[in-house]
């Protein structure tokens, strides 16, 4: 078993991004700028946004965290997004999910200018991705593809099984793995909670991507010998064993599955770090105007 080590890959790619950013800053006369909007006081969301801001600083980006109380109206939030869309000094905008119940996340996602949608969630970016056109790819699937590329894993002809069909991970992951590219050129099965004979389906996978949001859902008996296992899950549980007061678990039973896998991602230290890289690379491309040329 070999680790698909997010720490190793993200450290290397952050150095590459930092070098490109320094060159771009000289050309533009300013740094790439990412704005994150956080609504409410969810501990997990606050941690994620703080990490994104910290990583921006490390690679030489400007970053702004706009934090609003969960009492903000949908109208006020949409007005702020419209204002940011018009600001040419801002290259990327993300709105941290989940949002309070009175705010429609789909309406918020569609309100973001797709040319600044560095999370890759806007319907235009998702549609362009499906057609293999230039776009911002959702950050987590993008990070996973970058990881496979870093380790020079030839996926051509492999059977890939994706567990989970969300628009954020599962569905775009299935599209990317099926593309005529490397990584890619897989025969892909997209499974979910209603899939019959799920164990048998997952057992067919040369590559298994677990993105279902349930602790240790994928067990050793579901994975064939030598499979490449990518664990997207981040499940928080209270724990007296850690200083933070909680412990992270993946969607894969790492201890047992790692005995059968040829490659596997750890949690933490795997896909989560690569998601940040996907976001940083999208923001850099937004600043450069390579995906959507600037007016």
C-alpha atoms as a PDB file:
ATOM      1  CA  UNK A   1       0.000   0.000   0.000  1.00  0.00           C
ATOM      2  CA  UNK A   2       1.177   3.507  -0.889  1.00  0.00           C
ATOM      3  CA  UNK A   3      -0.255   6.740   0.434  1.00  0.00           C
ATOM      4  CA  UNK A   4      -1.765   9.334  -1.850  1.00  0.00           C
ATOM      5  CA  UNK A   5      -0.279  11.955   0.433  1.00  0.00           C
ATOM      6  CA  UNK A   6      -2.131  15.260   0.297  1.00  0.00           C
ATOM      7  CA  UNK A   7       0.511  16.941   2.440  1.00  0.00           C
ATOM      8  CA  UNK A   8       3.295  16.074   0.031  1.00  0.00           C
ATOM      9  CA  UNK A   9       1.385  16.980  -3.136  1.00  0.00           C
ATOM     10  CA  UNK A  10      -0.164  20.183  -1.800  1.00  0.00           C
ATOM     11  CA  UNK A  11       3.188  21.432  -0.514  1.00  0.00           C
ATOM     12  CA  UNK A  12       4.760  20.920  -3.932  1.00  0.00           C
ATOM     13  CA  UNK A  13       1.882  22.503  -5.850  1.00  0.00           C
ATOM     14  CA  UNK A  14       1.683  25.449  -3.454  1.00  0.00           C
ATOM     15  CA  UNK A  15       5.299  26.238  -4.257  1.00  0.00           C
ATOM     16  CA  UNK A  16       4.437  26.181  -7.965  1.00  0.00           C
ATOM     17  CA  UNK A  17       1.426  28.473  -7.373  1.00  0.00           C
ATOM     18  CA  UNK A  18       3.509  30.808  -5.224  1.00  0.00           C
ATOM     19  CA  UNK A  19       6.110  31.154  -7.986  1.00  0.00           C
ATOM     20  CA  UNK A  20       3.465  31.822 -10.657  1.00  0.00           C
ATOM     21  CA  UNK A  21       1.719  34.299  -8.377  1.00  0.00           C
ATOM     22  CA  UNK A  22       4.902  36.306  -7.851  1.00  0.00           C
ATOM     23  CA  UNK A  23       5.364  36.587 -11.620  1.00  0.00           C
ATOM     24  CA  UNK A  24       1.708  37.483 -12.192  1.00  0.00           C
ATOM     25  CA  UNK A  25       1.756  40.119  -9.456  1.00  0.00           C
ATOM     26  CA  UNK A  26       4.600  41.872 -11.273  1.00  0.00           C
ATOM     27  CA  UNK A  27       2.574  41.838 -14.499  1.00  0.00           C
ATOM     28  CA  UNK A  28      -0.796  42.845 -13.035  1.00  0.00           C
ATOM     29  CA  UNK A  29       0.527  45.318 -10.515  1.00  0.00           C
ATOM     30  CA  UNK A  30      -1.584  43.638  -7.827  1.00  0.00           C
ATOM     31  CA  UNK A  31      -2.000  40.243  -6.196  1.00  0.00           C
ATOM     32  CA  UNK A  32      -4.737  37.757  -7.095  1.00  0.00           C
ATOM     33  CA  UNK A  33      -7.664  38.418  -4.752  1.00  0.00           C
ATOM     34  CA  UNK A  34     -10.106  35.884  -3.307  1.00  0.00           C
ATOM     35  CA  UNK A  35     -13.180  36.864  -1.280  1.00  0.00           C
ATOM     36  CA  UNK A  36     -14.945  34.356   0.967  1.00  0.00           C
ATOM     37  CA  UNK A  37     -18.396  34.998   2.415  1.00  0.00           C
ATOM     38  CA  UNK A  38     -19.280  33.186   5.634  1.00  0.00           C
ATOM     39  CA  UNK A  39     -22.768  33.384   7.114  1.00  0.00           C
ATOM     40  CA  UNK A  40     -23.397  32.316  10.703  1.00  0.00           C
ATOM     41  CA  UNK A  41     -21.153  30.712  13.294  1.00  0.00           C
ATOM     42  CA  UNK A  42     -20.792  27.083  12.280  1.00  0.00           C
ATOM     43  CA  UNK A  43     -17.497  25.872  13.772  1.00  0.00           C
ATOM     44  CA  UNK A  44     -16.604  23.647  10.837  1.00  0.00           C
ATOM     45  CA  UNK A  45     -17.287  26.391   8.298  1.00  0.00           C
ATOM     46  CA  UNK A  46     -15.227  28.904  10.276  1.00  0.00           C
ATOM     47  CA  UNK A  47     -12.313  26.449  10.332  1.00  0.00           C
ATOM     48  CA  UNK A  48     -12.551  25.784   6.593  1.00  0.00           C
ATOM     49  CA  UNK A  49     -12.671  29.486   5.679  1.00  0.00           C
ATOM     50  CA  UNK A  50      -9.777  30.329   8.012  1.00  0.00           C
ATOM     51  CA  UNK A  51      -7.728  27.590   6.332  1.00  0.00           C
ATOM     52  CA  UNK A  52      -8.534  28.954   2.871  1.00  0.00           C
ATOM     53  CA  UNK A  53      -7.517  32.474   3.910  1.00  0.00           C
ATOM     54  CA  UNK A  54      -4.289  31.192   5.456  1.00  0.00           C
ATOM     55  CA  UNK A  55      -3.403  29.265   2.296  1.00  0.00           C
ATOM     56  CA  UNK A  56      -4.064  32.347   0.171  1.00  0.00           C
ATOM     57  CA  UNK A  57      -1.545  34.262   2.247  1.00  0.00           C
ATOM     58  CA  UNK A  58       1.013  31.475   1.913  1.00  0.00           C
ATOM     59  CA  UNK A  59       0.975  31.609  -1.899  1.00  0.00           C
ATOM     60  CA  UNK A  60       0.907  35.410  -2.152  1.00  0.00           C
ATOM     61  CA  UNK A  61      -2.802  36.106  -2.749  1.00  0.00           C
ATOM     62  CA  UNK A  62      -4.841  38.856  -1.163  1.00  0.00           C
ATOM     63  CA  UNK A  63      -7.867  37.437   0.630  1.00  0.00           C
ATOM     64  CA  UNK A  64     -10.929  38.914   2.315  1.00  0.00           C
ATOM     65  CA  UNK A  65     -13.254  37.084   4.699  1.00  0.00           C
ATOM     66  CA  UNK A  66     -16.695  38.700   4.895  1.00  0.00           C
ATOM     67  CA  UNK A  67     -18.459  37.255   7.947  1.00  0.00           C
ATOM     68  CA  UNK A  68     -22.161  37.940   8.464  1.00  0.00           C
ATOM     69  CA  UNK A  69     -24.571  36.925  11.210  1.00  0.00           C
ATOM     70  CA  UNK A  70     -27.083  34.250  10.247  1.00  0.00           C
ATOM     71  CA  UNK A  71     -29.781  36.901  10.474  1.00  0.00           C
ATOM     72  CA  UNK A  72     -28.638  38.503   7.200  1.00  0.00           C
ATOM     73  CA  UNK A  73     -31.445  38.521   4.648  1.00  0.00           C
ATOM     74  CA  UNK A  74     -31.199  36.700   1.339  1.00  0.00           C
ATOM     75  CA  UNK A  75     -31.722  40.040  -0.404  1.00  0.00           C
ATOM     76  CA  UNK A  76     -28.794  41.659   1.429  1.00  0.00           C
ATOM     77  CA  UNK A  77     -26.500  38.705   0.686  1.00  0.00           C
ATOM     78  CA  UNK A  78     -27.404  38.731  -3.015  1.00  0.00           C
ATOM     79  CA  UNK A  79     -26.789  42.492  -3.127  1.00  0.00           C
ATOM     80  CA  UNK A  80     -23.295  41.975  -1.695  1.00  0.00           C
ATOM     81  CA  UNK A  81     -22.558  39.279  -4.264  1.00  0.00           C
ATOM     82  CA  UNK A  82     -23.683  41.626  -7.062  1.00  0.00           C
ATOM     83  CA  UNK A  83     -21.339  44.292  -5.716  1.00  0.00           C
ATOM     84  CA  UNK A  84     -18.381  41.878  -5.674  1.00  0.00           C
ATOM     85  CA  UNK A  85     -19.223  40.704  -9.203  1.00  0.00           C
ATOM     86  CA  UNK A  86     -18.669  44.283 -10.408  1.00  0.00           C
ATOM     87  CA  UNK A  87     -15.362  44.773  -8.566  1.00  0.00           C
ATOM     88  CA  UNK A  88     -12.495  44.239 -11.020  1.00  0.00           C
ATOM     89  CA  UNK A  89      -9.965  44.003  -8.184  1.00  0.00           C
ATOM     90  CA  UNK A  90     -11.585  40.736  -7.014  1.00  0.00           C
ATOM     91  CA  UNK A  91     -10.775  37.620  -9.032  1.00  0.00           C
ATOM     92  CA  UNK A  92     -12.602  34.899  -7.125  1.00  0.00           C
ATOM     93  CA  UNK A  93     -15.645  34.645  -4.868  1.00  0.00           C
ATOM     94  CA  UNK A  94     -16.767  31.727  -2.732  1.00  0.00           C
ATOM     95  CA  UNK A  95     -19.768  31.497  -0.419  1.00  0.00           C
ATOM     96  CA  UNK A  96     -19.209  28.908   2.296  1.00  0.00           C
ATOM     97  CA  UNK A  97     -21.945  26.289   2.642  1.00  0.00           C
ATOM     98  CA  UNK A  98     -24.157  25.443   4.449  1.00  0.00           C
ATOM     99  CA  UNK A  99     -26.256  28.611   4.576  1.00  0.00           C
ATOM    100  CA  UNK A 100     -29.108  29.388   7.000  1.00  0.00           C
ATOM    101  CA  UNK A 101     -32.451  27.839   6.048  1.00  0.00           C
ATOM    102  CA  UNK A 102     -33.982  31.126   4.935  1.00  0.00           C
ATOM    103  CA  UNK A 103     -31.344  31.563   2.204  1.00  0.00           C
ATOM    104  CA  UNK A 104     -31.636  29.495  -0.984  1.00  0.00           C
ATOM    105  CA  UNK A 105     -28.157  28.079  -1.763  1.00  0.00           C
ATOM    106  CA  UNK A 106     -29.045  27.553  -5.442  1.00  0.00           C
ATOM    107  CA  UNK A 107     -30.040  31.191  -5.811  1.00  0.00           C
ATOM    108  CA  UNK A 108     -26.772  32.264  -4.163  1.00  0.00           C
ATOM    109  CA  UNK A 109     -24.669  29.964  -6.362  1.00  0.00           C
ATOM    110  CA  UNK A 110     -26.303  31.257  -9.547  1.00  0.00           C
ATOM    111  CA  UNK A 111     -25.876  34.871  -8.406  1.00  0.00           C
ATOM    112  CA  UNK A 112     -22.077  34.563  -8.405  1.00  0.00           C
ATOM    113  CA  UNK A 113     -20.462  35.674 -11.670  1.00  0.00           C
ATOM    114  CA  UNK A 114     -19.400  32.372 -13.259  1.00  0.00           C
ATOM    115  CA  UNK A 115     -16.112  34.036 -14.232  1.00  0.00           C
ATOM    116  CA  UNK A 116     -15.374  34.460 -10.500  1.00  0.00           C
ATOM    117  CA  UNK A 117     -16.873  31.126  -9.424  1.00  0.00           C
ATOM    118  CA  UNK A 118     -13.614  29.540  -8.278  1.00  0.00           C
ATOM    119  CA  UNK A 119     -15.483  26.819  -6.350  1.00  0.00           C
ATOM    120  CA  UNK A 120     -16.761  25.628  -9.741  1.00  0.00           C
ATOM    121  CA  UNK A 121     -20.394  25.231  -8.629  1.00  0.00           C
ATOM    122  CA  UNK A 122     -22.150  27.598 -11.060  1.00  0.00           C
ATOM    123  CA  UNK A 123     -24.341  25.805 -13.640  1.00  0.00           C
ATOM    124  CA  UNK A 124     -22.357  27.413 -16.467  1.00  0.00           C
ATOM    125  CA  UNK A 125     -19.088  26.001 -15.150  1.00  0.00           C
ATOM    126  CA  UNK A 126     -20.641  22.585 -14.537  1.00  0.00           C
ATOM    127  CA  UNK A 127     -22.140  22.577 -18.041  1.00  0.00           C
ATOM    128  CA  UNK A 128     -18.890  23.640 -19.670  1.00  0.00           C
ATOM    129  CA  UNK A 129     -17.033  20.953 -17.705  1.00  0.00           C
ATOM    130  CA  UNK A 130     -19.405  18.307 -19.038  1.00  0.00           C
ATOM    131  CA  UNK A 131     -18.680  19.494 -22.593  1.00  0.00           C
ATOM    132  CA  UNK A 132     -14.925  19.578 -21.886  1.00  0.00           C
ATOM    133  CA  UNK A 133     -14.756  23.340 -22.459  1.00  0.00           C
ATOM    134  CA  UNK A 134     -12.574  25.782 -20.478  1.00  0.00           C
ATOM    135  CA  UNK A 135     -14.140  26.308 -17.047  1.00  0.00           C
ATOM    136  CA  UNK A 136     -13.511  26.316 -13.330  1.00  0.00           C
ATOM    137  CA  UNK A 137     -13.696  22.689 -12.202  1.00  0.00           C
ATOM    138  CA  UNK A 138     -15.189  22.024  -8.746  1.00  0.00           C
ATOM    139  CA  UNK A 139     -12.283  22.288  -6.328  1.00  0.00           C
ATOM    140  CA  UNK A 140     -12.411  18.808  -4.751  1.00  0.00           C
ATOM    141  CA  UNK A 141     -12.589  16.767  -7.990  1.00  0.00           C
ATOM    142  CA  UNK A 142      -9.944  19.085  -9.491  1.00  0.00           C
ATOM    143  CA  UNK A 143      -7.667  18.431  -6.516  1.00  0.00           C
ATOM    144  CA  UNK A 144      -8.142  14.669  -6.831  1.00  0.00           C
ATOM    145  CA  UNK A 145      -7.191  14.746 -10.519  1.00  0.00           C
ATOM    146  CA  UNK A 146      -4.104  16.804  -9.685  1.00  0.00           C
ATOM    147  CA  UNK A 147      -3.129  14.220  -7.080  1.00  0.00           C
ATOM    148  CA  UNK A 148      -3.438  11.327  -9.529  1.00  0.00           C
ATOM    149  CA  UNK A 149      -1.419  13.343 -12.036  1.00  0.00           C
ATOM    150  CA  UNK A 150       1.306  14.068  -9.463  1.00  0.00           C
ATOM    151  CA  UNK A 151       1.782  10.365  -8.728  1.00  0.00           C
ATOM    152  CA  UNK A 152       1.726   9.577 -12.454  1.00  0.00           C
ATOM    153  CA  UNK A 153      -1.001   6.977 -12.032  1.00  0.00           C
ATOM    154  CA  UNK A 154      -2.118   5.788 -15.450  1.00  0.00           C
ATOM    155  CA  UNK A 155      -5.882   5.370 -15.119  1.00  0.00           C
ATOM    156  CA  UNK A 156      -6.570   4.590 -18.783  1.00  0.00           C
ATOM    157  CA  UNK A 157      -8.900   1.606 -19.190  1.00  0.00           C
ATOM    158  CA  UNK A 158      -9.604   1.284 -15.474  1.00  0.00           C
ATOM    159  CA  UNK A 159     -13.041   0.678 -14.003  1.00  0.00           C
ATOM    160  CA  UNK A 160     -13.870   3.535 -11.642  1.00  0.00           C
ATOM    161  CA  UNK A 161     -16.680   3.430  -9.107  1.00  0.00           C
ATOM    162  CA  UNK A 162     -17.826   6.680  -7.511  1.00  0.00           C
ATOM    163  CA  UNK A 163     -19.889   6.339  -4.332  1.00  0.00           C
ATOM    164  CA  UNK A 164     -22.060   9.463  -3.972  1.00  0.00           C
ATOM    165  CA  UNK A 165     -23.699  11.622  -6.650  1.00  0.00           C
ATOM    166  CA  UNK A 166     -23.490  15.190  -5.293  1.00  0.00           C
ATOM    167  CA  UNK A 167     -22.981  18.097  -7.690  1.00  0.00           C
ATOM    168  CA  UNK A 168     -19.963  19.130  -5.614  1.00  0.00           C
ATOM    169  CA  UNK A 169     -17.977  15.874  -5.811  1.00  0.00           C
ATOM    170  CA  UNK A 170     -19.573  12.678  -7.078  1.00  0.00           C
ATOM    171  CA  UNK A 171     -21.129  13.777 -10.368  1.00  0.00           C
ATOM    172  CA  UNK A 172     -18.224  15.965 -11.559  1.00  0.00           C
ATOM    173  CA  UNK A 173     -15.744  13.288 -10.465  1.00  0.00           C
ATOM    174  CA  UNK A 174     -17.485  10.742 -12.684  1.00  0.00           C
ATOM    175  CA  UNK A 175     -17.297  13.122 -15.655  1.00  0.00           C
ATOM    176  CA  UNK A 176     -13.599  13.897 -15.150  1.00  0.00           C
ATOM    177  CA  UNK A 177     -12.612  10.233 -14.801  1.00  0.00           C
ATOM    178  CA  UNK A 178     -14.445   9.383 -18.027  1.00  0.00           C
ATOM    179  CA  UNK A 179     -12.757  12.143 -20.061  1.00  0.00           C
ATOM    180  CA  UNK A 180     -10.377  11.323 -22.884  1.00  0.00           C
ATOM    181  CA  UNK A 181      -7.325  12.392 -20.872  1.00  0.00           C
ATOM    182  CA  UNK A 182      -4.863  11.139 -18.306  1.00  0.00           C
ATOM    183  CA  UNK A 183      -5.905  10.927 -15.552  1.00  0.00           C
ATOM    184  CA  UNK A 184      -9.133   9.782 -17.140  1.00  0.00           C
ATOM    185  CA  UNK A 185     -10.201   7.314 -19.829  1.00  0.00           C
ATOM    186  CA  UNK A 186     -11.993   5.240 -17.193  1.00  0.00           C
ATOM    187  CA  UNK A 187     -15.211   3.311 -17.481  1.00  0.00           C
ATOM    188  CA  UNK A 188     -17.217   4.921 -14.704  1.00  0.00           C
ATOM    189  CA  UNK A 189     -20.084   3.700 -12.536  1.00  0.00           C
ATOM    190  CA  UNK A 190     -21.784   6.369 -10.415  1.00  0.00           C
ATOM    191  CA  UNK A 191     -23.419   4.775  -7.368  1.00  0.00           C
ATOM    192  CA  UNK A 192     -25.490   6.206  -4.517  1.00  0.00           C
ATOM    193  CA  UNK A 193     -27.780   5.342  -1.603  1.00  0.00           C
ATOM    194  CA  UNK A 194     -30.402   3.752  -3.878  1.00  0.00           C
ATOM    195  CA  UNK A 195     -27.968   1.585  -5.847  1.00  0.00           C
ATOM    196  CA  UNK A 196     -28.890  -2.089  -5.665  1.00  0.00           C
ATOM    197  CA  UNK A 197     -26.087  -4.516  -4.815  1.00  0.00           C
ATOM    198  CA  UNK A 198     -23.808  -1.622  -3.901  1.00  0.00           C
ATOM    199  CA  UNK A 199     -21.114  -3.871  -2.437  1.00  0.00           C
ATOM    200  CA  UNK A 200     -20.878  -5.863  -5.672  1.00  0.00           C
ATOM    201  CA  UNK A 201     -20.681  -2.653  -7.727  1.00  0.00           C
ATOM    202  CA  UNK A 202     -17.880  -1.183  -5.612  1.00  0.00           C
ATOM    203  CA  UNK A 203     -15.984  -4.479  -5.727  1.00  0.00           C
ATOM    204  CA  UNK A 204     -15.619  -3.989  -9.499  1.00  0.00           C
ATOM    205  CA  UNK A 205     -13.669  -0.777  -9.052  1.00  0.00           C
ATOM    206  CA  UNK A 206      -9.991  -0.477  -9.940  1.00  0.00           C
ATOM    207  CA  UNK A 207     -10.535   3.049  -8.585  1.00  0.00           C
ATOM    208  CA  UNK A 208     -13.013   3.724  -5.771  1.00  0.00           C
ATOM    209  CA  UNK A 209     -13.964   7.301  -4.906  1.00  0.00           C
ATOM    210  CA  UNK A 210     -15.932   7.464  -1.652  1.00  0.00           C
ATOM    211  CA  UNK A 211     -17.946  10.670  -1.305  1.00  0.00           C
ATOM    212  CA  UNK A 212     -21.109   9.688   0.518  1.00  0.00           C
ATOM    213  CA  UNK A 213     -20.633  11.507   3.839  1.00  0.00           C
ATOM    214  CA  UNK A 214     -20.869   8.495   6.172  1.00  0.00           C
ATOM    215  CA  UNK A 215     -18.106   7.435   8.554  1.00  0.00           C
ATOM    216  CA  UNK A 216     -16.263   4.244   7.505  1.00  0.00           C
ATOM    217  CA  UNK A 217     -18.998   3.422   4.979  1.00  0.00           C
ATOM    218  CA  UNK A 218     -16.641   1.666   2.556  1.00  0.00           C
ATOM    219  CA  UNK A 219     -15.305  -1.455   4.249  1.00  0.00           C
ATOM    220  CA  UNK A 220     -12.595  -3.929   3.237  1.00  0.00           C
ATOM    221  CA  UNK A 221     -15.133  -6.460   1.964  1.00  0.00           C
ATOM    222  CA  UNK A 222     -16.334  -3.847  -0.573  1.00  0.00           C
ATOM    223  CA  UNK A 223     -12.883  -3.240  -2.090  1.00  0.00           C
ATOM    224  CA  UNK A 224     -10.947  -5.555  -4.358  1.00  0.00           C
ATOM    225  CA  UNK A 225      -7.272  -6.313  -3.911  1.00  0.00           C
ATOM    226  CA  UNK A 226      -5.035  -3.639  -5.445  1.00  0.00           C
ATOM    227  CA  UNK A 227      -7.703  -0.957  -5.841  1.00  0.00           C
ATOM    228  CA  UNK A 228      -6.892   2.751  -5.748  1.00  0.00           C
ATOM    229  CA  UNK A 229      -9.060   4.211  -2.974  1.00  0.00           C
ATOM    230  CA  UNK A 230      -9.822   7.932  -2.724  1.00  0.00           C
ATOM    231  CA  UNK A 231     -11.615   8.999   0.452  1.00  0.00           C
ATOM    232  CA  UNK A 232     -13.423  12.334   0.144  1.00  0.00           C
ATOM    233  CA  UNK A 233     -15.285  12.042   3.449  1.00  0.00           C
ATOM    234  CA  UNK A 234     -14.673  14.389   6.370  1.00  0.00           C
ATOM    235  CA  UNK A 235     -16.890  13.284   9.255  1.00  0.00           C
ATOM    236  CA  UNK A 236     -16.415  15.113  12.562  1.00  0.00           C
ATOM    237  CA  UNK A 237     -17.057  13.395  15.885  1.00  0.00           C
ATOM    238  CA  UNK A 238     -16.530  14.707  19.398  1.00  0.00           C
ATOM    239  CA  UNK A 239     -13.432  13.198  20.993  1.00  0.00           C
ATOM    240  CA  UNK A 240     -11.617  13.545  24.284  1.00  0.00           C
ATOM    241  CA  UNK A 241      -8.449  12.223  22.608  1.00  0.00           C
ATOM    242  CA  UNK A 242      -7.640  15.434  20.728  1.00  0.00           C
ATOM    243  CA  UNK A 243      -6.901  19.032  21.713  1.00  0.00           C
ATOM    244  CA  UNK A 244      -9.544  20.304  19.294  1.00  0.00           C
ATOM    245  CA  UNK A 245     -12.241  18.237  20.989  1.00  0.00           C
ATOM    246  CA  UNK A 246     -13.175  16.393  17.813  1.00  0.00           C
ATOM    247  CA  UNK A 247     -11.741  13.743  15.515  1.00  0.00           C
ATOM    248  CA  UNK A 248     -12.031  13.378  11.744  1.00  0.00           C
ATOM    249  CA  UNK A 249     -13.046  10.168  10.027  1.00  0.00           C
ATOM    250  CA  UNK A 250     -13.304   9.402   6.337  1.00  0.00           C
ATOM    251  CA  UNK A 251     -15.952   7.530   4.390  1.00  0.00           C
ATOM    252  CA  UNK A 252     -13.498   4.620   4.171  1.00  0.00           C
ATOM    253  CA  UNK A 253     -12.442   2.249   6.947  1.00  0.00           C
ATOM    254  CA  UNK A 254      -8.797   3.187   6.442  1.00  0.00           C
ATOM    255  CA  UNK A 255      -7.276   0.643   8.831  1.00  0.00           C
ATOM    256  CA  UNK A 256      -8.802  -2.362   7.078  1.00  0.00           C
ATOM    257  CA  UNK A 257      -9.101  -1.089   3.491  1.00  0.00           C
ATOM    258  CA  UNK A 258      -5.451   0.026   3.420  1.00  0.00           C
ATOM    259  CA  UNK A 259      -4.443  -3.637   3.761  1.00  0.00           C
ATOM    260  CA  UNK A 260      -5.975  -4.339   0.332  1.00  0.00           C
ATOM    261  CA  UNK A 261      -5.478  -1.060  -1.554  1.00  0.00           C
ATOM    262  CA  UNK A 262      -2.525  -0.317  -3.827  1.00  0.00           C
ATOM    263  CA  UNK A 263      -2.962   3.424  -3.170  1.00  0.00           C
ATOM    264  CA  UNK A 264      -5.151   5.168  -0.600  1.00  0.00           C
ATOM    265  CA  UNK A 265      -5.744   8.686   0.724  1.00  0.00           C
ATOM    266  CA  UNK A 266      -5.649   9.295   4.494  1.00  0.00           C
ATOM    267  CA  UNK A 267      -8.153  11.406   6.459  1.00  0.00           C
ATOM    268  CA  UNK A 268      -7.030  13.957   7.434  1.00  0.00           C
ATOM    269  CA  UNK A 269      -4.063  14.710   5.190  1.00  0.00           C
ATOM    270  CA  UNK A 270      -5.535  13.627   1.882  1.00  0.00           C
ATOM    271  CA  UNK A 271      -8.296  15.029  -0.308  1.00  0.00           C
ATOM    272  CA  UNK A 272      -9.097  17.965   2.004  1.00  0.00           C
ATOM    273  CA  UNK A 273      -5.698  19.519   1.362  1.00  0.00           C
ATOM    274  CA  UNK A 274      -6.084  18.956  -2.367  1.00  0.00           C
ATOM    275  CA  UNK A 275      -9.439  20.770  -2.340  1.00  0.00           C
ATOM    276  CA  UNK A 276      -7.559  23.872  -1.192  1.00  0.00           C
ATOM    277  CA  UNK A 277      -5.135  23.413  -4.099  1.00  0.00           C
ATOM    278  CA  UNK A 278      -8.041  23.213  -6.553  1.00  0.00           C
ATOM    279  CA  UNK A 279      -9.409  26.471  -5.157  1.00  0.00           C
ATOM    280  CA  UNK A 280      -6.018  28.207  -5.311  1.00  0.00           C
ATOM    281  CA  UNK A 281      -5.369  27.091  -8.889  1.00  0.00           C
ATOM    282  CA  UNK A 282      -8.826  28.247  -9.991  1.00  0.00           C
ATOM    283  CA  UNK A 283      -8.238  31.634  -8.353  1.00  0.00           C
ATOM    284  CA  UNK A 284      -4.845  31.972 -10.031  1.00  0.00           C
ATOM    285  CA  UNK A 285      -6.385  31.124 -13.411  1.00  0.00           C
ATOM    286  CA  UNK A 286      -9.148  33.670 -12.773  1.00  0.00           C
ATOM    287  CA  UNK A 287      -6.542  36.359 -12.109  1.00  0.00           C
ATOM    288  CA  UNK A 288      -4.574  35.377 -15.206  1.00  0.00           C
ATOM    289  CA  UNK A 289      -7.680  35.345 -17.398  1.00  0.00           C
ATOM    290  CA  UNK A 290      -6.709  32.051 -18.999  1.00  0.00           C
ATOM    291  CA  UNK A 291     -10.086  30.315 -18.509  1.00  0.00           C
ATOM    292  CA  UNK A 292     -12.268  33.351 -19.158  1.00  0.00           C
ATOM    293  CA  UNK A 293     -10.286  36.172 -20.801  1.00  0.00           C
ATOM    294  CA  UNK A 294     -10.661  39.495 -19.050  1.00  0.00           C
ATOM    295  CA  UNK A 295     -12.479  42.271 -20.901  1.00  0.00           C
END
